[in-house]
Amino acid sequence: MTQIGVIGSGFLEDKSIYKIAYEIGREIALNNFILICGGKGGVMEAVCKGVKEVNGLSVGILPSINKNEANEFVTIKIPTNLGEDRNYLVVQSSEIVICIAGQVGTKMEAEYTLKLKKPLITIPKTGGISLNITKKYPESVYPVKNAKDAIKKILDLIK
């Protein structure tokens, strides 16, 4: 099964971004992909919730040794005690990465993705790092508008 990483904001005030992440989670599961993420709140919670609601599989790679810090929708919890260094594991464990909004940690993950020459799908309308990285590396990312477009791009990339 293809492992799709989703990176993004750990805290969300904008409900429209939560909805986009949730829809991406549903689409990941409906297409029989495995979700890889950081396992905590915000975008990570939203994608895990979308995956869980259609009986998909999500893996949360957690920064601490405490598996209870994972959001309630994570299927498999991997406590690492690595702090932000766990961001590299999220990317390394993914075949394709989707970036939604995001701040400093997301920037690290997006740059790891590019350094490892893995496909990076962005949703610029969510702002944050997704928008910034799209502007900074337009030739290296795949910008999309929504969950359906993200899945279409994934299907194109894995063919």
N, C-alpha and C. Protein backbone atom coordinates (compact mmCIF):
# COMPACT_ATOMS: atom_id res chain seq x y z
N MET A 1 0.84 -1.19 0.00
CA MET A 1 0.00 0.00 0.00
C MET A 1 0.88 1.25 0.00
N THR A 2 0.46 2.24 -0.75
CA THR A 2 1.20 3.49 -0.83
C THR A 2 1.03 4.28 0.46
N GLN A 3 2.13 4.81 0.97
CA GLN A 3 2.12 5.61 2.20
C GLN A 3 2.18 7.09 1.84
N ILE A 4 1.13 7.82 2.23
CA ILE A 4 1.01 9.24 1.93
C ILE A 4 1.20 10.04 3.22
N GLY A 5 2.19 10.91 3.22
CA GLY A 5 2.42 11.79 4.36
C GLY A 5 1.59 13.05 4.23
N VAL A 6 1.06 13.51 5.35
CA VAL A 6 0.38 14.80 5.38
C VAL A 6 1.04 15.61 6.48
N ILE A 7 1.50 16.80 6.10
CA ILE A 7 2.16 17.71 7.03
C ILE A 7 1.35 19.00 7.08
N GLY A 8 1.41 19.69 8.22
CA GLY A 8 0.67 20.94 8.32
C GLY A 8 0.57 21.44 9.74
N SER A 9 -0.19 22.47 9.91
CA SER A 9 -0.33 23.17 11.18
C SER A 9 -0.80 22.25 12.31
N GLY A 10 -0.15 22.35 13.45
CA GLY A 10 -0.54 21.59 14.63
C GLY A 10 -1.72 22.22 15.35
N PHE A 11 -1.97 23.49 15.09
CA PHE A 11 -3.11 24.21 15.67
C PHE A 11 -3.83 24.93 14.55
N LEU A 12 -5.15 24.81 14.53
CA LEU A 12 -5.94 25.45 13.48
C LEU A 12 -7.04 26.30 14.08
N GLU A 13 -7.09 27.54 13.64
CA GLU A 13 -8.20 28.41 14.02
C GLU A 13 -9.21 28.50 12.88
N ASP A 14 -8.76 28.20 11.68
CA ASP A 14 -9.59 28.30 10.47
C ASP A 14 -10.27 26.96 10.20
N LYS A 15 -11.58 26.91 10.38
CA LYS A 15 -12.34 25.67 10.18
C LYS A 15 -12.30 25.18 8.73
N SER A 16 -12.10 26.09 7.78
CA SER A 16 -12.04 25.67 6.37
C SER A 16 -10.79 24.82 6.11
N ILE A 17 -9.69 25.11 6.80
CA ILE A 17 -8.48 24.30 6.65
C ILE A 17 -8.68 22.93 7.27
N TYR A 18 -9.35 22.87 8.42
CA TYR A 18 -9.66 21.59 9.06
C TYR A 18 -10.48 20.73 8.09
N LYS A 19 -11.46 21.36 7.44
CA LYS A 19 -12.33 20.63 6.50
C LYS A 19 -11.53 20.07 5.32
N ILE A 20 -10.62 20.86 4.78
CA ILE A 20 -9.78 20.39 3.67
C ILE A 20 -8.94 19.19 4.11
N ALA A 21 -8.31 19.31 5.29
CA ALA A 21 -7.48 18.21 5.80
C ALA A 21 -8.33 16.96 6.04
N TYR A 22 -9.50 17.14 6.61
CA TYR A 22 -10.42 16.03 6.85
C TYR A 22 -10.76 15.32 5.53
N GLU A 23 -11.10 16.10 4.51
CA GLU A 23 -11.45 15.53 3.21
C GLU A 23 -10.26 14.79 2.59
N ILE A 24 -9.07 15.31 2.76
CA ILE A 24 -7.88 14.62 2.26
C ILE A 24 -7.71 13.29 2.99
N GLY A 25 -7.94 13.26 4.29
CA GLY A 25 -7.87 12.01 5.04
C GLY A 25 -8.85 10.98 4.50
N ARG A 26 -10.08 11.40 4.27
CA ARG A 26 -11.09 10.48 3.71
C ARG A 26 -10.64 9.94 2.36
N GLU A 27 -10.15 10.81 1.50
CA GLU A 27 -9.73 10.39 0.16
C GLU A 27 -8.53 9.45 0.22
N ILE A 28 -7.61 9.70 1.15
CA ILE A 28 -6.46 8.80 1.32
C ILE A 28 -6.96 7.39 1.65
N ALA A 29 -7.87 7.31 2.60
CA ALA A 29 -8.39 5.99 3.01
C ALA A 29 -9.23 5.35 1.91
N LEU A 30 -10.08 6.12 1.26
CA LEU A 30 -10.94 5.58 0.21
C LEU A 30 -10.15 5.03 -0.97
N ASN A 31 -8.92 5.52 -1.13
CA ASN A 31 -8.05 5.05 -2.21
C ASN A 31 -7.05 3.99 -1.72
N ASN A 32 -7.30 3.46 -0.53
CA ASN A 32 -6.48 2.40 0.05
C ASN A 32 -5.01 2.78 0.24
N PHE A 33 -4.77 4.05 0.58
CA PHE A 33 -3.44 4.49 0.93
C PHE A 33 -3.33 4.49 2.46
N ILE A 34 -2.12 4.48 2.97
CA ILE A 34 -1.87 4.59 4.41
C ILE A 34 -1.46 6.03 4.69
N LEU A 35 -2.05 6.63 5.71
CA LEU A 35 -1.69 7.98 6.12
C LEU A 35 -0.52 7.93 7.10
N ILE A 36 0.49 8.76 6.84
CA ILE A 36 1.61 8.96 7.75
C ILE A 36 1.56 10.43 8.18
N CYS A 37 1.60 10.69 9.48
CA CYS A 37 1.60 12.09 9.95
C CYS A 37 2.26 12.17 11.32
N GLY A 38 2.27 13.36 11.88
CA GLY A 38 2.87 13.59 13.19
C GLY A 38 1.98 13.19 14.35
N GLY A 39 0.73 12.85 14.09
CA GLY A 39 -0.14 12.25 15.08
C GLY A 39 -0.76 13.15 16.13
N LYS A 40 -0.53 14.45 16.05
CA LYS A 40 -1.06 15.33 17.10
C LYS A 40 -2.31 16.08 16.62
N GLY A 41 -2.40 17.38 16.88
CA GLY A 41 -3.61 18.14 16.60
C GLY A 41 -3.63 18.84 15.26
N GLY A 42 -4.60 19.71 15.08
CA GLY A 42 -4.71 20.53 13.88
C GLY A 42 -4.92 19.72 12.62
N VAL A 43 -4.07 19.94 11.62
CA VAL A 43 -4.15 19.22 10.35
C VAL A 43 -4.04 17.72 10.59
N MET A 44 -3.13 17.32 11.50
CA MET A 44 -2.92 15.90 11.76
C MET A 44 -4.19 15.24 12.30
N GLU A 45 -4.86 15.91 13.22
CA GLU A 45 -6.11 15.38 13.77
C GLU A 45 -7.18 15.28 12.68
N ALA A 46 -7.28 16.32 11.86
CA ALA A 46 -8.31 16.35 10.82
C ALA A 46 -8.12 15.23 9.81
N VAL A 47 -6.88 15.01 9.34
CA VAL A 47 -6.67 13.93 8.36
C VAL A 47 -6.90 12.57 8.99
N CYS A 48 -6.47 12.40 10.23
CA CYS A 48 -6.69 11.12 10.92
C CYS A 48 -8.18 10.85 11.12
N LYS A 49 -8.94 11.90 11.43
CA LYS A 49 -10.39 11.74 11.60
C LYS A 49 -11.02 11.31 10.28
N GLY A 50 -10.63 11.94 9.17
CA GLY A 50 -11.15 11.55 7.86
C GLY A 50 -10.82 10.11 7.53
N VAL A 51 -9.60 9.69 7.83
CA VAL A 51 -9.18 8.31 7.58
C VAL A 51 -9.99 7.34 8.42
N LYS A 52 -10.13 7.64 9.71
CA LYS A 52 -10.82 6.73 10.63
C LYS A 52 -12.29 6.55 10.26
N GLU A 53 -12.94 7.62 9.82
CA GLU A 53 -14.36 7.55 9.52
C GLU A 53 -14.69 6.65 8.34
N VAL A 54 -13.69 6.31 7.54
CA VAL A 54 -13.92 5.37 6.44
C VAL A 54 -13.06 4.12 6.62
N ASN A 55 -12.72 3.85 7.89
CA ASN A 55 -11.99 2.63 8.28
C ASN A 55 -10.64 2.46 7.62
N GLY A 56 -9.94 3.58 7.41
CA GLY A 56 -8.59 3.52 6.85
C GLY A 56 -7.55 3.37 7.95
N LEU A 57 -6.29 3.41 7.54
CA LEU A 57 -5.16 3.21 8.45
C LEU A 57 -4.32 4.47 8.52
N SER A 58 -4.10 4.96 9.75
CA SER A 58 -3.24 6.12 9.96
C SER A 58 -2.13 5.77 10.93
N VAL A 59 -0.95 6.35 10.67
CA VAL A 59 0.21 6.16 11.53
C VAL A 59 0.63 7.53 12.02
N GLY A 60 0.71 7.68 13.34
CA GLY A 60 1.16 8.93 13.94
C GLY A 60 2.55 8.75 14.53
N ILE A 61 3.52 9.48 13.99
CA ILE A 61 4.90 9.43 14.48
C ILE A 61 5.05 10.58 15.46
N LEU A 62 5.05 10.25 16.73
CA LEU A 62 4.94 11.23 17.81
C LEU A 62 6.29 11.77 18.28
N PRO A 63 6.32 13.03 18.72
CA PRO A 63 7.59 13.61 19.17
C PRO A 63 8.08 13.11 20.53
N SER A 64 7.19 12.68 21.41
CA SER A 64 7.61 12.26 22.74
C SER A 64 7.52 10.75 22.89
N ILE A 65 7.79 10.28 24.08
CA ILE A 65 7.71 8.85 24.38
C ILE A 65 6.29 8.47 24.81
N ASN A 66 5.43 9.48 24.96
CA ASN A 66 4.07 9.28 25.47
C ASN A 66 3.09 9.07 24.32
N LYS A 67 2.65 7.83 24.13
CA LYS A 67 1.72 7.55 23.03
C LYS A 67 0.36 8.19 23.25
N ASN A 68 0.08 8.61 24.48
CA ASN A 68 -1.21 9.24 24.79
C ASN A 68 -1.31 10.68 24.26
N GLU A 69 -0.21 11.22 23.75
CA GLU A 69 -0.27 12.57 23.17
C GLU A 69 -0.87 12.54 21.76
N ALA A 70 -1.05 11.37 21.20
CA ALA A 70 -1.64 11.25 19.87
C ALA A 70 -3.10 11.68 19.91
N ASN A 71 -3.57 12.18 18.78
CA ASN A 71 -4.99 12.52 18.71
C ASN A 71 -5.81 11.22 18.73
N GLU A 72 -7.07 11.34 19.08
CA GLU A 72 -7.93 10.17 19.30
C GLU A 72 -8.21 9.35 18.05
N PHE A 73 -7.85 9.86 16.86
CA PHE A 73 -8.18 9.17 15.62
C PHE A 73 -7.02 8.37 15.02
N VAL A 74 -5.84 8.46 15.62
CA VAL A 74 -4.66 7.75 15.10
C VAL A 74 -4.84 6.25 15.31
N THR A 75 -4.57 5.47 14.26
CA THR A 75 -4.68 4.01 14.36
C THR A 75 -3.44 3.41 15.01
N ILE A 76 -2.26 3.75 14.49
CA ILE A 76 -1.00 3.23 15.00
C ILE A 76 -0.18 4.39 15.54
N LYS A 77 0.18 4.32 16.81
CA LYS A 77 0.93 5.38 17.49
C LYS A 77 2.38 4.94 17.65
N ILE A 78 3.29 5.77 17.15
CA ILE A 78 4.72 5.46 17.27
C ILE A 78 5.39 6.56 18.09
N PRO A 79 5.57 6.33 19.40
CA PRO A 79 6.27 7.31 20.23
C PRO A 79 7.78 7.24 19.94
N THR A 80 8.43 8.39 19.75
CA THR A 80 9.84 8.38 19.34
C THR A 80 10.80 8.98 20.35
N ASN A 81 10.33 9.91 21.17
CA ASN A 81 11.21 10.67 22.07
C ASN A 81 12.26 11.46 21.29
N LEU A 82 11.93 11.84 20.04
CA LEU A 82 12.87 12.56 19.18
C LEU A 82 12.53 14.05 19.04
N GLY A 83 11.45 14.49 19.64
CA GLY A 83 11.04 15.89 19.47
C GLY A 83 10.79 16.20 18.01
N GLU A 84 11.25 17.38 17.57
CA GLU A 84 11.04 17.81 16.18
C GLU A 84 11.81 16.96 15.19
N ASP A 85 12.83 16.22 15.65
CA ASP A 85 13.57 15.35 14.73
C ASP A 85 12.68 14.26 14.15
N ARG A 86 11.56 14.02 14.77
CA ARG A 86 10.63 13.02 14.24
C ARG A 86 10.06 13.46 12.89
N ASN A 87 10.17 14.76 12.57
CA ASN A 87 9.69 15.26 11.28
C ASN A 87 10.36 14.54 10.11
N TYR A 88 11.64 14.22 10.28
CA TYR A 88 12.36 13.50 9.23
C TYR A 88 11.75 12.11 9.02
N LEU A 89 11.36 11.46 10.12
CA LEU A 89 10.75 10.13 10.01
C LEU A 89 9.41 10.18 9.29
N VAL A 90 8.65 11.23 9.52
CA VAL A 90 7.36 11.38 8.84
C VAL A 90 7.59 11.40 7.33
N VAL A 91 8.56 12.22 6.90
CA VAL A 91 8.84 12.34 5.47
C VAL A 91 9.48 11.07 4.91
N GLN A 92 10.44 10.53 5.63
CA GLN A 92 11.15 9.34 5.15
C GLN A 92 10.20 8.15 5.02
N SER A 93 9.16 8.10 5.84
CA SER A 93 8.20 7.00 5.81
C SER A 93 7.13 7.16 4.72
N SER A 94 7.13 8.31 4.07
CA SER A 94 6.10 8.63 3.07
C SER A 94 6.67 8.54 1.67
N GLU A 95 5.83 8.10 0.74
CA GLU A 95 6.24 8.07 -0.66
C GLU A 95 5.92 9.39 -1.36
N ILE A 96 4.84 10.02 -0.93
CA ILE A 96 4.40 11.32 -1.43
C ILE A 96 3.93 12.10 -0.21
N VAL A 97 4.16 13.43 -0.21
CA VAL A 97 3.78 14.25 0.93
C VAL A 97 2.84 15.37 0.47
N ILE A 98 1.80 15.60 1.28
CA ILE A 98 0.85 16.69 1.04
C ILE A 98 1.05 17.72 2.15
N CYS A 99 1.20 18.99 1.76
CA CYS A 99 1.42 20.08 2.72
C CYS A 99 0.17 20.96 2.78
N ILE A 100 -0.35 21.12 4.00
CA ILE A 100 -1.54 21.95 4.24
C ILE A 100 -1.19 23.00 5.29
N ALA A 101 -1.27 24.27 4.90
CA ALA A 101 -0.96 25.39 5.81
C ALA A 101 0.43 25.19 6.41
N GLY A 102 0.58 25.32 7.72
CA GLY A 102 1.84 25.00 8.38
C GLY A 102 2.68 26.19 8.80
N GLN A 103 3.59 25.87 9.75
CA GLN A 103 4.53 26.86 10.25
C GLN A 103 5.93 26.27 10.26
N VAL A 104 6.69 26.48 11.32
CA VAL A 104 8.10 26.10 11.36
C VAL A 104 8.33 24.60 11.18
N GLY A 105 7.62 23.76 11.93
CA GLY A 105 7.80 22.31 11.81
C GLY A 105 7.44 21.82 10.43
N THR A 106 6.39 22.39 9.87
CA THR A 106 5.95 22.02 8.52
C THR A 106 7.01 22.42 7.50
N LYS A 107 7.65 23.56 7.72
CA LYS A 107 8.71 24.01 6.81
C LYS A 107 9.84 22.99 6.79
N MET A 108 10.22 22.49 7.96
CA MET A 108 11.26 21.47 8.03
C MET A 108 10.85 20.25 7.21
N GLU A 109 9.62 19.79 7.40
CA GLU A 109 9.14 18.60 6.70
C GLU A 109 9.08 18.82 5.19
N ALA A 110 8.62 19.99 4.77
CA ALA A 110 8.53 20.30 3.34
C ALA A 110 9.93 20.31 2.72
N GLU A 111 10.88 20.90 3.41
CA GLU A 111 12.24 20.96 2.88
C GLU A 111 12.91 19.58 2.88
N TYR A 112 12.63 18.77 3.89
CA TYR A 112 13.11 17.38 3.87
C TYR A 112 12.55 16.65 2.65
N THR A 113 11.28 16.88 2.37
CA THR A 113 10.63 16.22 1.23
C THR A 113 11.36 16.58 -0.07
N LEU A 114 11.63 17.86 -0.25
CA LEU A 114 12.33 18.29 -1.47
C LEU A 114 13.76 17.76 -1.50
N LYS A 115 14.44 17.79 -0.36
CA LYS A 115 15.82 17.28 -0.31
C LYS A 115 15.88 15.79 -0.67
N LEU A 116 14.90 15.04 -0.21
CA LEU A 116 14.85 13.60 -0.49
C LEU A 116 14.26 13.30 -1.87
N LYS A 117 13.93 14.37 -2.62
CA LYS A 117 13.39 14.25 -3.97
C LYS A 117 12.09 13.43 -4.03
N LYS A 118 11.28 13.65 -3.02
CA LYS A 118 9.95 13.01 -3.00
C LYS A 118 8.94 14.04 -3.48
N PRO A 119 7.87 13.60 -4.13
CA PRO A 119 6.86 14.55 -4.58
C PRO A 119 6.19 15.28 -3.41
N LEU A 120 6.07 16.60 -3.57
CA LEU A 120 5.42 17.44 -2.56
C LEU A 120 4.22 18.12 -3.19
N ILE A 121 3.05 17.77 -2.70
CA ILE A 121 1.80 18.38 -3.15
C ILE A 121 1.44 19.47 -2.15
N THR A 122 1.14 20.66 -2.65
CA THR A 122 0.78 21.77 -1.77
C THR A 122 -0.64 22.23 -2.06
N ILE A 123 -1.24 22.84 -1.05
CA ILE A 123 -2.56 23.46 -1.21
C ILE A 123 -2.39 24.93 -0.82
N PRO A 124 -1.90 25.74 -1.76
CA PRO A 124 -1.54 27.13 -1.45
C PRO A 124 -2.64 27.96 -0.81
N LYS A 125 -3.91 27.68 -1.14
CA LYS A 125 -4.99 28.50 -0.58
C LYS A 125 -5.12 28.35 0.93
N THR A 126 -4.45 27.33 1.52
CA THR A 126 -4.48 27.17 2.97
C THR A 126 -3.47 28.07 3.66
N GLY A 127 -2.63 28.76 2.89
CA GLY A 127 -1.68 29.72 3.44
C GLY A 127 -0.47 29.06 4.09
N GLY A 128 0.19 29.83 4.95
CA GLY A 128 1.33 29.33 5.70
C GLY A 128 2.44 28.78 4.81
N ILE A 129 3.06 27.72 5.27
CA ILE A 129 4.17 27.11 4.55
C ILE A 129 3.73 26.56 3.20
N SER A 130 2.52 26.04 3.12
CA SER A 130 2.03 25.52 1.84
C SER A 130 2.10 26.60 0.75
N LEU A 131 1.67 27.80 1.08
CA LEU A 131 1.73 28.91 0.13
C LEU A 131 3.18 29.34 -0.09
N ASN A 132 3.95 29.49 0.99
CA ASN A 132 5.32 29.97 0.90
C ASN A 132 6.21 29.04 0.07
N ILE A 133 6.10 27.75 0.31
CA ILE A 133 6.96 26.79 -0.39
C ILE A 133 6.57 26.70 -1.86
N THR A 134 5.29 26.92 -2.16
CA THR A 134 4.83 26.93 -3.55
C THR A 134 5.44 28.12 -4.29
N LYS A 135 5.49 29.27 -3.62
CA LYS A 135 6.09 30.46 -4.23
C LYS A 135 7.61 30.32 -4.36
N LYS A 136 8.24 29.74 -3.35
CA LYS A 136 9.70 29.64 -3.32
C LYS A 136 10.24 28.59 -4.30
N TYR A 137 9.53 27.48 -4.46
CA TYR A 137 9.98 26.38 -5.32
C TYR A 137 8.90 25.98 -6.32
N PRO A 138 8.44 26.89 -7.16
CA PRO A 138 7.31 26.56 -8.05
C PRO A 138 7.59 25.39 -8.99
N GLU A 139 8.84 25.18 -9.34
CA GLU A 139 9.17 24.09 -10.25
C GLU A 139 9.31 22.75 -9.56
N SER A 140 9.28 22.76 -8.21
CA SER A 140 9.53 21.53 -7.45
C SER A 140 8.32 20.97 -6.73
N VAL A 141 7.20 21.70 -6.75
CA VAL A 141 6.01 21.24 -6.02
C VAL A 141 4.83 21.09 -6.98
N TYR A 142 3.81 20.43 -6.48
CA TYR A 142 2.58 20.21 -7.26
C TYR A 142 1.42 20.89 -6.53
N PRO A 143 1.12 22.15 -6.87
CA PRO A 143 0.01 22.82 -6.19
C PRO A 143 -1.34 22.31 -6.67
N VAL A 144 -2.27 22.11 -5.74
CA VAL A 144 -3.63 21.68 -6.04
C VAL A 144 -4.61 22.55 -5.26
N LYS A 145 -5.89 22.43 -5.60
CA LYS A 145 -6.91 23.27 -4.97
C LYS A 145 -7.67 22.58 -3.85
N ASN A 146 -7.80 21.25 -3.91
CA ASN A 146 -8.65 20.56 -2.93
C ASN A 146 -8.26 19.08 -2.82
N ALA A 147 -9.01 18.35 -2.02
CA ALA A 147 -8.72 16.94 -1.75
C ALA A 147 -8.81 16.08 -3.01
N LYS A 148 -9.83 16.29 -3.80
CA LYS A 148 -9.99 15.49 -5.04
C LYS A 148 -8.80 15.71 -5.97
N ASP A 149 -8.37 16.96 -6.11
CA ASP A 149 -7.21 17.26 -6.97
C ASP A 149 -5.94 16.63 -6.40
N ALA A 150 -5.81 16.63 -5.09
CA ALA A 150 -4.62 16.02 -4.46
C ALA A 150 -4.56 14.53 -4.77
N ILE A 151 -5.69 13.85 -4.66
CA ILE A 151 -5.72 12.41 -4.95
C ILE A 151 -5.46 12.15 -6.43
N LYS A 152 -6.02 12.98 -7.31
CA LYS A 152 -5.74 12.83 -8.74
C LYS A 152 -4.24 12.94 -9.00
N LYS A 153 -3.60 13.90 -8.35
CA LYS A 153 -2.16 14.09 -8.53
C LYS A 153 -1.40 12.88 -7.99
N ILE A 154 -1.79 12.36 -6.84
CA ILE A 154 -1.14 11.17 -6.28
C ILE A 154 -1.25 10.00 -7.27
N LEU A 155 -2.45 9.79 -7.80
CA LEU A 155 -2.66 8.69 -8.74
C LEU A 155 -1.80 8.86 -9.99
N ASP A 156 -1.65 10.08 -10.46
CA ASP A 156 -0.77 10.35 -11.61
C ASP A 156 0.69 10.03 -11.25
N LEU A 157 1.10 10.43 -10.06
CA LEU A 157 2.50 10.26 -9.65
C LEU A 157 2.88 8.80 -9.43
N ILE A 158 1.93 7.98 -8.99
CA ILE A 158 2.28 6.58 -8.70
C ILE A 158 2.16 5.67 -9.92
N LYS A 159 1.67 6.21 -11.02
CA LYS A 159 1.55 5.39 -12.25
C LYS A 159 2.90 5.19 -12.87
